[in-house]
Amino acid sequence: MNEEEKGRLITAVECARLLGVSWSWVIRHSAPSAKFRIPVMKVGGLLRYDPEQVLACIRNANATPKSVGV
């Protein structure tokens, strides 16, 4: 991410491209009811994502140890 893009909010399609997932995955994980929720905000009724927050959320999720059922 270059200096010009810092602080810029991105669309769900751009977020999907950033994460290498489908647009529908991003939308599903933006819902308040999602078990794993990525940070999202509404701007004028549209969903927008802060790329730095989204990447930090993914990093934190991967760093959190998972419990294993016995």
N, C-alpha and C. Protein backbone atom coordinates (compact mmCIF):
# COMPACT_ATOMS: atom_id res chain seq x y z
N MET A 1 0.85 -1.17 0.00
CA MET A 1 0.00 0.00 0.00
C MET A 1 0.90 1.23 0.00
N ASN A 2 0.72 2.08 -1.01
CA ASN A 2 1.56 3.26 -1.06
C ASN A 2 1.00 4.37 -0.18
N GLU A 3 1.78 5.44 -0.06
CA GLU A 3 1.43 6.55 0.83
C GLU A 3 0.12 7.21 0.42
N GLU A 4 -0.14 7.26 -0.87
CA GLU A 4 -1.35 7.89 -1.38
C GLU A 4 -2.60 7.12 -0.96
N GLU A 5 -2.50 5.79 -0.84
CA GLU A 5 -3.65 4.95 -0.50
C GLU A 5 -3.89 4.85 1.00
N LYS A 6 -2.91 5.25 1.81
CA LYS A 6 -3.07 5.15 3.27
C LYS A 6 -4.26 5.97 3.72
N GLY A 7 -5.08 5.38 4.56
CA GLY A 7 -6.25 6.06 5.09
C GLY A 7 -7.46 6.03 4.18
N ARG A 8 -7.30 5.47 2.98
CA ARG A 8 -8.41 5.39 2.02
C ARG A 8 -9.27 4.18 2.34
N LEU A 9 -10.56 4.36 2.35
CA LEU A 9 -11.49 3.25 2.56
C LEU A 9 -11.71 2.55 1.23
N ILE A 10 -11.92 1.25 1.29
CA ILE A 10 -12.08 0.46 0.07
C ILE A 10 -13.45 -0.23 0.05
N THR A 11 -13.86 -0.66 -1.13
CA THR A 11 -15.13 -1.35 -1.30
C THR A 11 -14.97 -2.83 -0.95
N ALA A 12 -16.09 -3.55 -0.93
CA ALA A 12 -16.06 -4.99 -0.66
C ALA A 12 -15.28 -5.73 -1.74
N VAL A 13 -15.41 -5.29 -2.98
CA VAL A 13 -14.69 -5.94 -4.08
C VAL A 13 -13.18 -5.74 -3.91
N GLU A 14 -12.77 -4.53 -3.55
CA GLU A 14 -11.35 -4.26 -3.32
C GLU A 14 -10.83 -5.02 -2.10
N CYS A 15 -11.67 -5.13 -1.07
CA CYS A 15 -11.29 -5.89 0.13
C CYS A 15 -11.10 -7.36 -0.22
N ALA A 16 -11.98 -7.90 -1.04
CA ALA A 16 -11.88 -9.29 -1.47
C ALA A 16 -10.57 -9.51 -2.23
N ARG A 17 -10.23 -8.58 -3.11
CA ARG A 17 -8.98 -8.67 -3.87
C ARG A 17 -7.78 -8.62 -2.92
N LEU A 18 -7.84 -7.74 -1.94
CA LEU A 18 -6.75 -7.60 -0.95
C LEU A 18 -6.52 -8.90 -0.19
N LEU A 19 -7.60 -9.58 0.17
CA LEU A 19 -7.50 -10.80 0.97
C LEU A 19 -7.40 -12.07 0.13
N GLY A 20 -7.68 -11.96 -1.14
CA GLY A 20 -7.64 -13.14 -2.00
C GLY A 20 -8.82 -14.08 -1.76
N VAL A 21 -9.96 -13.48 -1.48
CA VAL A 21 -11.18 -14.25 -1.24
C VAL A 21 -12.28 -13.71 -2.16
N SER A 22 -13.43 -14.34 -2.13
CA SER A 22 -14.54 -13.89 -2.97
C SER A 22 -15.24 -12.69 -2.32
N TRP A 23 -15.93 -11.96 -3.17
CA TRP A 23 -16.72 -10.82 -2.71
C TRP A 23 -17.77 -11.29 -1.70
N SER A 24 -18.38 -12.44 -1.96
CA SER A 24 -19.42 -12.95 -1.06
C SER A 24 -18.86 -13.31 0.32
N TRP A 25 -17.59 -13.78 0.37
CA TRP A 25 -16.95 -14.07 1.66
C TRP A 25 -16.84 -12.79 2.48
N VAL A 26 -16.42 -11.72 1.84
CA VAL A 26 -16.28 -10.43 2.52
C VAL A 26 -17.63 -9.98 3.06
N ILE A 27 -18.66 -10.05 2.24
CA ILE A 27 -20.00 -9.62 2.66
C ILE A 27 -20.50 -10.49 3.82
N ARG A 28 -20.32 -11.81 3.71
CA ARG A 28 -20.75 -12.73 4.78
C ARG A 28 -20.06 -12.41 6.10
N HIS A 29 -18.77 -12.10 6.04
CA HIS A 29 -18.00 -11.83 7.26
C HIS A 29 -18.07 -10.37 7.71
N SER A 30 -18.91 -9.60 7.04
CA SER A 30 -19.19 -8.23 7.45
C SER A 30 -20.47 -8.15 8.27
N ALA A 31 -21.24 -9.21 8.24
CA ALA A 31 -22.54 -9.23 8.94
C ALA A 31 -22.34 -9.23 10.45
N PRO A 32 -23.19 -8.51 11.17
CA PRO A 32 -23.09 -8.50 12.64
C PRO A 32 -23.21 -9.89 13.26
N SER A 33 -23.87 -10.82 12.57
CA SER A 33 -24.08 -12.17 13.12
C SER A 33 -22.93 -13.13 12.79
N ALA A 34 -21.94 -12.69 12.03
CA ALA A 34 -20.83 -13.58 11.63
C ALA A 34 -19.99 -13.97 12.84
N LYS A 35 -19.60 -15.26 12.89
CA LYS A 35 -18.72 -15.72 13.98
C LYS A 35 -17.38 -15.00 13.91
N PHE A 36 -16.79 -14.95 12.72
CA PHE A 36 -15.56 -14.19 12.50
C PHE A 36 -15.94 -12.97 11.68
N ARG A 37 -15.86 -11.81 12.29
CA ARG A 37 -16.30 -10.58 11.63
C ARG A 37 -15.11 -9.68 11.32
N ILE A 38 -15.06 -9.22 10.08
CA ILE A 38 -14.02 -8.27 9.72
C ILE A 38 -14.57 -6.86 9.96
N PRO A 39 -13.67 -5.91 10.28
CA PRO A 39 -14.13 -4.55 10.57
C PRO A 39 -14.72 -3.89 9.32
N VAL A 40 -15.88 -3.32 9.48
CA VAL A 40 -16.58 -2.67 8.37
C VAL A 40 -17.30 -1.44 8.92
N MET A 41 -17.51 -0.47 8.06
CA MET A 41 -18.29 0.70 8.45
C MET A 41 -19.23 1.07 7.32
N LYS A 42 -20.32 1.70 7.69
CA LYS A 42 -21.25 2.17 6.67
C LYS A 42 -20.99 3.66 6.43
N VAL A 43 -20.84 4.00 5.18
CA VAL A 43 -20.65 5.39 4.77
C VAL A 43 -21.75 5.71 3.77
N GLY A 44 -22.69 6.51 4.20
CA GLY A 44 -23.82 6.82 3.33
C GLY A 44 -24.60 5.60 2.90
N GLY A 45 -24.69 4.59 3.79
CA GLY A 45 -25.43 3.38 3.48
C GLY A 45 -24.62 2.33 2.73
N LEU A 46 -23.38 2.65 2.36
CA LEU A 46 -22.52 1.70 1.65
C LEU A 46 -21.49 1.12 2.59
N LEU A 47 -21.14 -0.16 2.40
CA LEU A 47 -20.12 -0.80 3.21
C LEU A 47 -18.74 -0.37 2.73
N ARG A 48 -17.88 0.03 3.66
CA ARG A 48 -16.51 0.41 3.34
C ARG A 48 -15.58 -0.21 4.37
N TYR A 49 -14.36 -0.47 3.95
CA TYR A 49 -13.37 -1.18 4.77
C TYR A 49 -12.09 -0.37 4.83
N ASP A 50 -11.46 -0.36 6.01
CA ASP A 50 -10.14 0.23 6.17
C ASP A 50 -9.15 -0.92 6.00
N PRO A 51 -8.35 -0.91 4.93
CA PRO A 51 -7.47 -2.05 4.65
C PRO A 51 -6.53 -2.39 5.81
N GLU A 52 -6.03 -1.38 6.51
CA GLU A 52 -5.11 -1.63 7.63
C GLU A 52 -5.83 -2.37 8.76
N GLN A 53 -7.06 -1.96 9.05
CA GLN A 53 -7.84 -2.63 10.11
C GLN A 53 -8.20 -4.05 9.73
N VAL A 54 -8.56 -4.26 8.47
CA VAL A 54 -8.92 -5.59 8.00
C VAL A 54 -7.72 -6.53 8.10
N LEU A 55 -6.57 -6.08 7.62
CA LEU A 55 -5.36 -6.92 7.67
C LEU A 55 -4.95 -7.20 9.11
N ALA A 56 -5.07 -6.21 10.00
CA ALA A 56 -4.74 -6.42 11.41
C ALA A 56 -5.69 -7.45 12.03
N CYS A 57 -6.96 -7.39 11.68
CA CYS A 57 -7.95 -8.35 12.18
C CYS A 57 -7.59 -9.77 11.74
N ILE A 58 -7.21 -9.93 10.48
CA ILE A 58 -6.83 -11.25 9.96
C ILE A 58 -5.57 -11.74 10.67
N ARG A 59 -4.59 -10.86 10.83
CA ARG A 59 -3.34 -11.25 11.53
C ARG A 59 -3.64 -11.71 12.96
N ASN A 60 -4.50 -10.95 13.67
CA ASN A 60 -4.84 -11.29 15.05
C ASN A 60 -5.59 -12.62 15.12
N ALA A 61 -6.45 -12.87 14.17
CA ALA A 61 -7.21 -14.13 14.15
C ALA A 61 -6.27 -15.31 13.95
N ASN A 62 -5.25 -15.13 13.12
CA ASN A 62 -4.30 -16.21 12.86
C ASN A 62 -3.33 -16.40 14.02
N ALA A 63 -3.14 -15.37 14.83
CA ALA A 63 -2.21 -15.48 15.96
C ALA A 63 -2.88 -16.04 17.22
N THR A 64 -4.21 -16.05 17.24
CA THR A 64 -4.95 -16.54 18.40
C THR A 64 -4.99 -18.06 18.38
N PRO A 65 -4.53 -18.70 19.47
CA PRO A 65 -4.57 -20.16 19.50
C PRO A 65 -6.02 -20.67 19.48
N LYS A 66 -6.24 -21.71 18.74
CA LYS A 66 -7.57 -22.32 18.64
C LYS A 66 -7.66 -23.48 19.63
N SER A 67 -8.82 -23.62 20.25
CA SER A 67 -9.01 -24.78 21.13
C SER A 67 -9.35 -26.00 20.28
N VAL A 68 -8.84 -27.12 20.68
CA VAL A 68 -9.07 -28.35 19.93
C VAL A 68 -9.96 -29.26 20.76
N GLY A 69 -11.05 -29.70 20.14
CA GLY A 69 -11.97 -30.60 20.85
C GLY A 69 -11.35 -31.98 21.02
N VAL A 70 -11.69 -32.64 22.13
CA VAL A 70 -11.13 -33.98 22.40
C VAL A 70 -12.14 -35.02 22.06
